N, C-alpha and C. Protein backbone atom coordinates (compact mmCIF):
# COMPACT_ATOMS: atom_id res chain seq x y z
N MET A 1 3.28 -5.80 31.66
CA MET A 1 4.10 -6.46 30.68
C MET A 1 3.20 -6.97 29.55
N GLY A 2 3.59 -6.73 28.29
CA GLY A 2 2.78 -7.15 27.15
C GLY A 2 2.95 -8.62 26.87
N ARG A 3 1.93 -9.18 26.27
CA ARG A 3 2.03 -10.59 25.92
C ARG A 3 2.57 -10.74 24.51
N SER A 4 3.18 -11.86 24.27
CA SER A 4 3.76 -12.15 22.96
C SER A 4 2.64 -12.51 21.99
N VAL A 5 2.65 -11.88 20.82
CA VAL A 5 1.67 -12.16 19.79
C VAL A 5 2.33 -13.02 18.73
N LYS A 6 1.69 -14.14 18.40
CA LYS A 6 2.23 -14.99 17.35
C LYS A 6 1.71 -14.47 16.02
N ARG A 7 2.64 -14.21 15.13
CA ARG A 7 2.28 -13.70 13.81
C ARG A 7 2.68 -14.73 12.76
N TYR A 8 1.72 -15.08 11.95
CA TYR A 8 1.97 -15.99 10.85
C TYR A 8 2.48 -15.17 9.66
N PRO A 9 3.57 -15.60 9.05
CA PRO A 9 4.12 -14.84 7.92
C PRO A 9 3.11 -14.56 6.82
N ALA A 10 2.24 -15.50 6.51
CA ALA A 10 1.25 -15.28 5.45
C ALA A 10 0.26 -14.19 5.85
N GLN A 11 -0.14 -14.16 7.11
CA GLN A 11 -1.05 -13.11 7.57
C GLN A 11 -0.38 -11.75 7.50
N THR A 12 0.88 -11.71 7.86
CA THR A 12 1.63 -10.45 7.80
C THR A 12 1.73 -9.96 6.37
N GLU A 13 2.07 -10.85 5.46
CA GLU A 13 2.17 -10.47 4.04
C GLU A 13 0.82 -10.06 3.49
N PHE A 14 -0.22 -10.77 3.84
CA PHE A 14 -1.58 -10.41 3.41
C PHE A 14 -1.91 -9.00 3.88
N GLY A 15 -1.60 -8.71 5.13
CA GLY A 15 -1.85 -7.38 5.67
C GLY A 15 -1.08 -6.30 4.93
N HIS A 16 0.15 -6.59 4.55
CA HIS A 16 0.95 -5.63 3.77
C HIS A 16 0.29 -5.37 2.41
N ARG A 17 -0.23 -6.41 1.81
CA ARG A 17 -0.89 -6.27 0.51
C ARG A 17 -2.15 -5.43 0.61
N VAL A 18 -2.93 -5.67 1.65
CA VAL A 18 -4.14 -4.87 1.86
C VAL A 18 -3.77 -3.41 2.07
N ARG A 19 -2.82 -3.15 2.94
CA ARG A 19 -2.40 -1.78 3.23
C ARG A 19 -1.85 -1.09 1.98
N SER A 20 -1.02 -1.79 1.23
CA SER A 20 -0.44 -1.22 0.02
C SER A 20 -1.51 -0.81 -0.98
N LYS A 21 -2.49 -1.67 -1.19
CA LYS A 21 -3.57 -1.36 -2.13
C LYS A 21 -4.42 -0.20 -1.61
N ARG A 22 -4.70 -0.21 -0.31
CA ARG A 22 -5.50 0.88 0.28
C ARG A 22 -4.79 2.20 0.10
N LEU A 23 -3.49 2.24 0.37
CA LEU A 23 -2.73 3.48 0.22
C LEU A 23 -2.63 3.90 -1.24
N GLU A 24 -2.51 2.93 -2.13
CA GLU A 24 -2.48 3.22 -3.57
C GLU A 24 -3.77 3.93 -4.00
N LEU A 25 -4.88 3.55 -3.37
CA LEU A 25 -6.17 4.17 -3.67
C LEU A 25 -6.36 5.50 -2.94
N GLY A 26 -5.44 5.80 -2.01
CA GLY A 26 -5.51 7.06 -1.27
C GLY A 26 -6.57 7.08 -0.18
N TRP A 27 -6.90 5.91 0.36
CA TRP A 27 -7.95 5.80 1.37
C TRP A 27 -7.36 5.61 2.75
N SER A 28 -8.09 6.11 3.74
CA SER A 28 -7.75 5.84 5.13
C SER A 28 -8.33 4.47 5.50
N GLN A 29 -7.92 3.96 6.65
CA GLN A 29 -8.50 2.71 7.13
C GLN A 29 -10.00 2.88 7.35
N MET A 30 -10.40 4.04 7.80
CA MET A 30 -11.82 4.32 8.04
C MET A 30 -12.60 4.28 6.73
N GLU A 31 -12.03 4.86 5.67
CA GLU A 31 -12.72 4.84 4.38
C GLU A 31 -12.90 3.41 3.86
N LEU A 32 -11.85 2.61 3.96
CA LEU A 32 -11.98 1.22 3.52
C LEU A 32 -13.01 0.48 4.37
N ALA A 33 -12.93 0.67 5.66
CA ALA A 33 -13.89 0.01 6.56
C ALA A 33 -15.32 0.38 6.21
N ASP A 34 -15.57 1.64 5.94
CA ASP A 34 -16.91 2.09 5.56
C ASP A 34 -17.36 1.43 4.26
N ARG A 35 -16.45 1.30 3.31
CA ARG A 35 -16.79 0.69 2.02
C ARG A 35 -17.15 -0.79 2.15
N ILE A 36 -16.53 -1.48 3.11
CA ILE A 36 -16.78 -2.92 3.24
C ILE A 36 -17.73 -3.26 4.39
N GLY A 37 -18.17 -2.25 5.11
CA GLY A 37 -19.15 -2.47 6.17
C GLY A 37 -18.59 -3.13 7.42
N LEU A 38 -17.31 -2.88 7.69
CA LEU A 38 -16.68 -3.41 8.90
C LEU A 38 -16.02 -2.26 9.67
N HIS A 39 -15.63 -2.53 10.88
CA HIS A 39 -15.05 -1.49 11.74
C HIS A 39 -13.59 -1.23 11.34
N PHE A 40 -13.15 0.01 11.51
CA PHE A 40 -11.77 0.35 11.14
C PHE A 40 -10.74 -0.43 11.95
N THR A 41 -11.10 -0.85 13.17
CA THR A 41 -10.16 -1.64 13.95
C THR A 41 -9.94 -3.01 13.31
N PHE A 42 -10.94 -3.52 12.59
CA PHE A 42 -10.79 -4.76 11.84
C PHE A 42 -9.73 -4.57 10.76
N VAL A 43 -9.86 -3.50 9.99
CA VAL A 43 -8.90 -3.21 8.92
C VAL A 43 -7.50 -3.05 9.52
N SER A 44 -7.40 -2.34 10.61
CA SER A 44 -6.11 -2.11 11.26
C SER A 44 -5.47 -3.43 11.68
N SER A 45 -6.24 -4.31 12.29
CA SER A 45 -5.67 -5.58 12.76
C SER A 45 -5.30 -6.49 11.60
N VAL A 46 -6.04 -6.42 10.49
CA VAL A 46 -5.67 -7.17 9.29
C VAL A 46 -4.34 -6.66 8.77
N GLU A 47 -4.21 -5.36 8.65
CA GLU A 47 -2.99 -4.77 8.10
C GLU A 47 -1.76 -5.05 8.97
N ARG A 48 -1.95 -5.23 10.26
CA ARG A 48 -0.84 -5.56 11.16
C ARG A 48 -0.54 -7.06 11.18
N GLY A 49 -1.33 -7.84 10.46
CA GLY A 49 -1.12 -9.28 10.41
C GLY A 49 -1.58 -10.01 11.65
N GLU A 50 -2.47 -9.39 12.40
CA GLU A 50 -2.95 -9.97 13.65
C GLU A 50 -4.22 -10.80 13.49
N ARG A 51 -4.84 -10.72 12.35
CA ARG A 51 -6.14 -11.35 12.17
C ARG A 51 -6.10 -12.38 11.05
N ASN A 52 -6.64 -13.54 11.34
CA ASN A 52 -6.81 -14.59 10.34
C ASN A 52 -8.20 -14.40 9.75
N VAL A 53 -8.29 -13.81 8.59
CA VAL A 53 -9.59 -13.43 8.03
C VAL A 53 -10.34 -14.63 7.48
N SER A 54 -11.65 -14.56 7.56
CA SER A 54 -12.51 -15.59 6.98
C SER A 54 -12.61 -15.37 5.48
N LEU A 55 -13.16 -16.35 4.79
CA LEU A 55 -13.37 -16.22 3.35
C LEU A 55 -14.27 -15.03 3.06
N GLN A 56 -15.33 -14.87 3.85
CA GLN A 56 -16.24 -13.75 3.64
C GLN A 56 -15.53 -12.40 3.81
N SER A 57 -14.67 -12.30 4.81
CA SER A 57 -13.92 -11.05 5.02
C SER A 57 -12.93 -10.81 3.89
N LEU A 58 -12.29 -11.89 3.42
CA LEU A 58 -11.37 -11.76 2.29
C LEU A 58 -12.10 -11.20 1.08
N LEU A 59 -13.28 -11.74 0.80
CA LEU A 59 -14.05 -11.28 -0.35
C LEU A 59 -14.51 -9.83 -0.17
N ARG A 60 -14.90 -9.46 1.03
CA ARG A 60 -15.31 -8.07 1.29
C ARG A 60 -14.14 -7.12 1.09
N LEU A 61 -12.97 -7.51 1.61
CA LEU A 61 -11.78 -6.67 1.44
C LEU A 61 -11.42 -6.52 -0.04
N ALA A 62 -11.42 -7.62 -0.77
CA ALA A 62 -11.09 -7.57 -2.19
C ALA A 62 -12.07 -6.69 -2.95
N ASP A 63 -13.36 -6.88 -2.70
CA ASP A 63 -14.36 -6.05 -3.38
C ASP A 63 -14.17 -4.58 -3.04
N GLY A 64 -13.94 -4.31 -1.76
CA GLY A 64 -13.74 -2.93 -1.33
C GLY A 64 -12.51 -2.29 -1.95
N LEU A 65 -11.46 -3.09 -2.13
CA LEU A 65 -10.21 -2.59 -2.71
C LEU A 65 -10.22 -2.65 -4.25
N GLU A 66 -11.32 -3.19 -4.78
CA GLU A 66 -11.49 -3.26 -6.23
C GLU A 66 -10.43 -4.14 -6.89
N VAL A 67 -10.13 -5.28 -6.25
CA VAL A 67 -9.17 -6.25 -6.79
C VAL A 67 -9.77 -7.65 -6.72
N ASN A 68 -9.17 -8.56 -7.46
CA ASN A 68 -9.54 -9.96 -7.38
C ASN A 68 -8.99 -10.51 -6.08
N ALA A 69 -9.78 -11.27 -5.36
CA ALA A 69 -9.34 -11.83 -4.08
C ALA A 69 -8.06 -12.65 -4.23
N GLY A 70 -7.91 -13.31 -5.35
CA GLY A 70 -6.72 -14.11 -5.58
C GLY A 70 -5.44 -13.31 -5.55
N SER A 71 -5.52 -12.06 -5.97
CA SER A 71 -4.32 -11.23 -5.98
C SER A 71 -3.83 -10.91 -4.57
N LEU A 72 -4.72 -10.98 -3.59
CA LEU A 72 -4.33 -10.71 -2.21
C LEU A 72 -3.68 -11.91 -1.55
N ILE A 73 -3.93 -13.12 -2.09
CA ILE A 73 -3.39 -14.32 -1.45
C ILE A 73 -2.44 -15.11 -2.34
N GLU A 74 -2.28 -14.69 -3.57
CA GLU A 74 -1.42 -15.43 -4.50
C GLU A 74 -0.01 -15.60 -3.93
N GLY A 75 0.46 -16.83 -3.96
CA GLY A 75 1.82 -17.13 -3.53
C GLY A 75 2.02 -17.26 -2.04
N LEU A 76 0.98 -17.06 -1.24
CA LEU A 76 1.12 -17.20 0.21
C LEU A 76 1.07 -18.67 0.59
N HIS A 77 1.85 -19.04 1.59
CA HIS A 77 1.89 -20.42 2.07
C HIS A 77 1.85 -20.41 3.59
N TRP A 78 1.33 -21.50 4.14
CA TRP A 78 1.30 -21.63 5.58
C TRP A 78 2.72 -21.90 6.09
N SER A 79 3.03 -21.30 7.22
CA SER A 79 4.26 -21.61 7.92
C SER A 79 4.06 -21.31 9.40
N GLU A 80 4.94 -21.83 10.20
CA GLU A 80 4.84 -21.65 11.66
C GLU A 80 4.85 -20.17 12.02
N PRO A 81 4.13 -19.81 13.07
CA PRO A 81 4.10 -18.42 13.50
C PRO A 81 5.42 -17.99 14.12
N ARG A 82 5.62 -16.69 14.11
CA ARG A 82 6.77 -16.08 14.79
C ARG A 82 6.25 -15.29 15.97
N SER A 83 6.93 -15.32 17.08
CA SER A 83 6.54 -14.50 18.22
C SER A 83 7.10 -13.11 18.04
N SER A 84 6.31 -12.14 18.48
CA SER A 84 6.80 -10.75 18.40
C SER A 84 6.51 -10.02 19.69
């Protein structure tokens, strides 16, 4: 039986933004991971909203995606997690 994963709406939205930009650039998760020096499973878990990224990871992702870090988090707010 699987365990319930709590997903924070802001993390989920952040992951959607990362994925959208990556796809817009035509890159695989592996390509983005290589560009930022992290493992593709890290990128995958970010895109699924499972990971609360550090400031350093946020900056690496933004640099790798060639965007301002602010554009990835603009308008996001903290809220209670949802179980899935």
